Amino acid sequence: MTHVTGRRGLDEQAVLLAAGLADLAVSTLGTALGTVRGLLRRSDAGALAADAEHDLTARGRLVLDRYTTVPPAHLEILARHALVRRAAGDD
């Protein structure tokens, strides 16, 4: 393929990138569907599904904890350190 400059070259590059991404998505989806079919044929599919549900629940809990937990305020941390120092000085 020859290198084309200008607007037409950019349009062609965008189309090629989109086609490449679509091909990648289709091949990945095909592989994933093949894997799912293989998993459904297993005799321990129920246990496997329960384990997957447990893992996904744990992952969800970690994500929510990571993004919803607000760290303590800076002054709160300083106040706690002061209390620890004051308690250590009283001993």
N, C-alpha and C. Protein backbone atom coordinates (compact mmCIF):
# COMPACT_ATOMS: atom_id res chain seq x y z
N MET A 1 0.85 -1.16 0.00
CA MET A 1 0.00 0.00 0.00
C MET A 1 0.90 1.23 0.00
N THR A 2 0.58 2.18 -0.82
CA THR A 2 1.40 3.40 -0.90
C THR A 2 0.94 4.38 0.16
N HIS A 3 1.86 5.25 0.56
CA HIS A 3 1.57 6.26 1.57
C HIS A 3 0.92 7.45 0.89
N VAL A 4 -0.29 7.81 1.32
CA VAL A 4 -1.02 8.94 0.75
C VAL A 4 -1.04 10.05 1.79
N THR A 5 -0.75 11.25 1.36
CA THR A 5 -0.74 12.38 2.28
C THR A 5 -2.03 13.15 2.17
N GLY A 6 -2.30 14.00 3.16
CA GLY A 6 -3.48 14.85 3.13
C GLY A 6 -4.67 14.21 3.80
N ARG A 7 -5.83 14.81 3.56
CA ARG A 7 -7.08 14.39 4.20
C ARG A 7 -7.46 12.97 3.79
N ARG A 8 -7.27 12.64 2.53
CA ARG A 8 -7.63 11.30 2.06
C ARG A 8 -6.80 10.23 2.77
N GLY A 9 -5.53 10.53 3.01
CA GLY A 9 -4.67 9.59 3.70
C GLY A 9 -5.12 9.37 5.14
N LEU A 10 -5.54 10.43 5.81
CA LEU A 10 -6.03 10.31 7.17
C LEU A 10 -7.33 9.51 7.23
N ASP A 11 -8.23 9.75 6.26
CA ASP A 11 -9.48 9.00 6.21
C ASP A 11 -9.21 7.52 5.98
N GLU A 12 -8.28 7.25 5.08
CA GLU A 12 -7.94 5.85 4.78
C GLU A 12 -7.32 5.18 6.00
N GLN A 13 -6.47 5.91 6.72
CA GLN A 13 -5.85 5.36 7.92
C GLN A 13 -6.90 5.08 8.99
N ALA A 14 -7.87 5.99 9.14
CA ALA A 14 -8.93 5.79 10.12
C ALA A 14 -9.76 4.56 9.77
N VAL A 15 -10.05 4.37 8.50
CA VAL A 15 -10.82 3.20 8.07
C VAL A 15 -10.03 1.92 8.33
N LEU A 16 -8.74 1.95 8.04
CA LEU A 16 -7.91 0.77 8.27
C LEU A 16 -7.82 0.44 9.76
N LEU A 17 -7.68 1.46 10.60
CA LEU A 17 -7.65 1.24 12.04
C LEU A 17 -8.97 0.66 12.54
N ALA A 18 -10.08 1.20 12.05
CA ALA A 18 -11.39 0.70 12.46
C ALA A 18 -11.58 -0.74 12.01
N ALA A 19 -11.15 -1.06 10.80
CA ALA A 19 -11.26 -2.44 10.31
C ALA A 19 -10.39 -3.38 11.13
N GLY A 20 -9.20 -2.94 11.49
CA GLY A 20 -8.32 -3.76 12.31
C GLY A 20 -8.90 -4.00 13.69
N LEU A 21 -9.47 -2.96 14.29
CA LEU A 21 -10.11 -3.12 15.60
C LEU A 21 -11.32 -4.04 15.53
N ALA A 22 -12.10 -3.92 14.46
CA ALA A 22 -13.27 -4.79 14.30
C ALA A 22 -12.84 -6.24 14.15
N ASP A 23 -11.78 -6.48 13.37
CA ASP A 23 -11.28 -7.85 13.19
C ASP A 23 -10.78 -8.42 14.51
N LEU A 24 -10.07 -7.61 15.28
CA LEU A 24 -9.58 -8.04 16.59
C LEU A 24 -10.74 -8.37 17.52
N ALA A 25 -11.78 -7.54 17.52
CA ALA A 25 -12.94 -7.77 18.38
C ALA A 25 -13.65 -9.06 17.98
N VAL A 26 -13.82 -9.30 16.68
CA VAL A 26 -14.50 -10.51 16.22
C VAL A 26 -13.69 -11.75 16.58
N SER A 27 -12.39 -11.72 16.38
CA SER A 27 -11.58 -12.90 16.70
C SER A 27 -11.55 -13.15 18.20
N THR A 28 -11.49 -12.09 19.00
CA THR A 28 -11.51 -12.24 20.45
C THR A 28 -12.85 -12.78 20.91
N LEU A 29 -13.93 -12.29 20.34
CA LEU A 29 -15.26 -12.78 20.69
C LEU A 29 -15.42 -14.24 20.31
N GLY A 30 -14.89 -14.63 19.15
CA GLY A 30 -14.95 -16.03 18.74
C GLY A 30 -14.21 -16.94 19.70
N THR A 31 -13.03 -16.50 20.12
CA THR A 31 -12.25 -17.28 21.08
C THR A 31 -12.98 -17.38 22.41
N ALA A 32 -13.56 -16.27 22.86
CA ALA A 32 -14.28 -16.26 24.13
C ALA A 32 -15.50 -17.19 24.06
N LEU A 33 -16.23 -17.17 22.96
CA LEU A 33 -17.39 -18.05 22.82
C LEU A 33 -16.97 -19.52 22.81
N GLY A 34 -15.86 -19.82 22.17
CA GLY A 34 -15.35 -21.20 22.19
C GLY A 34 -15.00 -21.64 23.60
N THR A 35 -14.41 -20.76 24.36
CA THR A 35 -14.05 -21.06 25.75
C THR A 35 -15.31 -21.29 26.59
N VAL A 36 -16.32 -20.45 26.38
CA VAL A 36 -17.57 -20.59 27.14
C VAL A 36 -18.24 -21.91 26.79
N ARG A 37 -18.27 -22.28 25.51
CA ARG A 37 -18.84 -23.57 25.12
C ARG A 37 -18.13 -24.72 25.79
N GLY A 38 -16.81 -24.65 25.84
CA GLY A 38 -16.04 -25.70 26.49
C GLY A 38 -16.34 -25.77 27.98
N LEU A 39 -16.51 -24.62 28.62
CA LEU A 39 -16.81 -24.61 30.05
C LEU A 39 -18.21 -25.15 30.34
N LEU A 40 -19.15 -24.89 29.44
CA LEU A 40 -20.51 -25.39 29.65
C LEU A 40 -20.61 -26.90 29.52
N ARG A 41 -19.68 -27.50 28.81
CA ARG A 41 -19.68 -28.96 28.64
C ARG A 41 -19.09 -29.68 29.85
N ARG A 42 -18.47 -28.97 30.75
CA ARG A 42 -17.84 -29.61 31.91
C ARG A 42 -18.89 -30.14 32.87
N SER A 43 -18.55 -31.20 33.56
CA SER A 43 -19.49 -31.80 34.51
C SER A 43 -19.60 -30.98 35.79
N ASP A 44 -18.59 -30.20 36.10
CA ASP A 44 -18.62 -29.38 37.31
C ASP A 44 -18.97 -27.93 37.00
N ALA A 45 -19.82 -27.73 36.00
CA ALA A 45 -20.17 -26.37 35.57
C ALA A 45 -20.85 -25.59 36.69
N GLY A 46 -21.68 -26.25 37.50
CA GLY A 46 -22.35 -25.55 38.60
C GLY A 46 -21.36 -25.03 39.63
N ALA A 47 -20.41 -25.88 40.00
CA ALA A 47 -19.40 -25.45 40.97
C ALA A 47 -18.52 -24.35 40.38
N LEU A 48 -18.21 -24.50 39.09
CA LEU A 48 -17.40 -23.49 38.41
C LEU A 48 -18.13 -22.15 38.39
N ALA A 49 -19.43 -22.17 38.12
CA ALA A 49 -20.22 -20.94 38.10
C ALA A 49 -20.29 -20.32 39.50
N ALA A 50 -20.42 -21.16 40.53
CA ALA A 50 -20.46 -20.64 41.90
C ALA A 50 -19.13 -20.00 42.27
N ASP A 51 -18.04 -20.63 41.88
CA ASP A 51 -16.71 -20.04 42.14
C ASP A 51 -16.55 -18.72 41.40
N ALA A 52 -17.02 -18.67 40.15
CA ALA A 52 -16.92 -17.44 39.37
C ALA A 52 -17.74 -16.33 40.02
N GLU A 53 -18.94 -16.68 40.51
CA GLU A 53 -19.78 -15.69 41.17
C GLU A 53 -19.10 -15.17 42.44
N HIS A 54 -18.50 -16.08 43.20
CA HIS A 54 -17.79 -15.67 44.42
C HIS A 54 -16.62 -14.75 44.08
N ASP A 55 -15.85 -15.10 43.06
CA ASP A 55 -14.71 -14.27 42.66
C ASP A 55 -15.16 -12.90 42.18
N LEU A 56 -16.24 -12.86 41.39
CA LEU A 56 -16.72 -11.57 40.88
C LEU A 56 -17.26 -10.71 42.02
N THR A 57 -17.92 -11.34 42.99
CA THR A 57 -18.41 -10.59 44.14
C THR A 57 -17.24 -9.99 44.93
N ALA A 58 -16.20 -10.78 45.13
CA ALA A 58 -15.02 -10.28 45.85
C ALA A 58 -14.36 -9.15 45.08
N ARG A 59 -14.26 -9.29 43.77
CA ARG A 59 -13.69 -8.22 42.94
C ARG A 59 -14.51 -6.96 43.04
N GLY A 60 -15.84 -7.12 42.98
CA GLY A 60 -16.72 -5.96 43.07
C GLY A 60 -16.58 -5.25 44.41
N ARG A 61 -16.45 -6.04 45.47
CA ARG A 61 -16.27 -5.45 46.80
C ARG A 61 -14.96 -4.67 46.86
N LEU A 62 -13.90 -5.23 46.28
CA LEU A 62 -12.61 -4.52 46.27
C LEU A 62 -12.69 -3.22 45.50
N VAL A 63 -13.36 -3.26 44.34
CA VAL A 63 -13.47 -2.05 43.53
C VAL A 63 -14.26 -0.98 44.27
N LEU A 64 -15.38 -1.38 44.85
CA LEU A 64 -16.18 -0.40 45.59
C LEU A 64 -15.42 0.17 46.77
N ASP A 65 -14.69 -0.68 47.48
CA ASP A 65 -13.88 -0.19 48.60
C ASP A 65 -12.81 0.78 48.13
N ARG A 66 -12.22 0.49 46.99
CA ARG A 66 -11.14 1.34 46.47
C ARG A 66 -11.66 2.72 46.09
N TYR A 67 -12.85 2.78 45.49
CA TYR A 67 -13.32 4.06 44.95
C TYR A 67 -14.33 4.78 45.84
N THR A 68 -14.89 4.11 46.83
CA THR A 68 -15.89 4.78 47.66
C THR A 68 -15.37 5.16 49.03
N THR A 69 -14.28 4.57 49.46
CA THR A 69 -13.73 4.90 50.76
C THR A 69 -12.99 6.23 50.68
N VAL A 70 -13.41 7.15 51.52
CA VAL A 70 -12.78 8.46 51.54
C VAL A 70 -11.68 8.43 52.58
N PRO A 71 -10.46 8.82 52.20
CA PRO A 71 -9.38 8.83 53.18
C PRO A 71 -9.65 9.89 54.26
N PRO A 72 -9.12 9.68 55.46
CA PRO A 72 -9.35 10.67 56.52
C PRO A 72 -8.70 12.01 56.17
N ALA A 73 -9.28 13.04 56.71
CA ALA A 73 -8.76 14.38 56.46
C ALA A 73 -7.38 14.54 57.09
N HIS A 74 -6.58 15.41 56.52
CA HIS A 74 -5.22 15.63 56.98
C HIS A 74 -5.19 16.06 58.45
N LEU A 75 -6.08 16.98 58.82
CA LEU A 75 -6.11 17.44 60.21
C LEU A 75 -6.53 16.32 61.16
N GLU A 76 -7.39 15.42 60.69
CA GLU A 76 -7.78 14.28 61.52
C GLU A 76 -6.58 13.39 61.80
N ILE A 77 -5.75 13.17 60.81
CA ILE A 77 -4.54 12.36 60.99
C ILE A 77 -3.60 13.03 61.98
N LEU A 78 -3.42 14.35 61.84
CA LEU A 78 -2.55 15.08 62.78
C LEU A 78 -3.09 15.00 64.20
N ALA A 79 -4.41 15.10 64.36
CA ALA A 79 -5.01 15.03 65.69
C ALA A 79 -4.78 13.66 66.31
N ARG A 80 -4.89 12.61 65.50
CA ARG A 80 -4.66 11.25 66.01
C ARG A 80 -3.21 11.08 66.45
N HIS A 81 -2.29 11.61 65.67
CA HIS A 81 -0.86 11.53 66.05
C HIS A 81 -0.61 12.28 67.35
N ALA A 82 -1.24 13.43 67.48
CA ALA A 82 -1.07 14.21 68.71
C ALA A 82 -1.61 13.45 69.92
N LEU A 83 -2.75 12.79 69.76
CA LEU A 83 -3.30 11.99 70.86
C LEU A 83 -2.39 10.83 71.23
N VAL A 84 -1.79 10.20 70.23
CA VAL A 84 -0.88 9.08 70.51
C VAL A 84 0.34 9.59 71.24
N ARG A 85 0.89 10.72 70.79
CA ARG A 85 2.06 11.30 71.46
C ARG A 85 1.73 11.72 72.89
N ARG A 86 0.56 12.32 73.08
CA ARG A 86 0.15 12.77 74.41
C ARG A 86 -0.03 11.56 75.34
N ALA A 87 -0.63 10.47 74.80
CA ALA A 87 -0.81 9.27 75.61
C ALA A 87 0.52 8.62 75.92
N ALA A 88 1.45 8.66 75.01
CA ALA A 88 2.78 8.08 75.24
C ALA A 88 3.56 8.89 76.27
N GLY A 89 3.34 10.19 76.30
CA GLY A 89 4.02 11.06 77.25
C GLY A 89 3.47 10.91 78.67
N ASP A 90 2.22 10.49 78.81
CA ASP A 90 1.62 10.31 80.12
C ASP A 90 2.09 9.06 80.81
N ASP A 91 2.60 8.09 80.07
CA ASP A 91 3.04 6.81 80.67
C ASP A 91 4.25 6.96 81.48
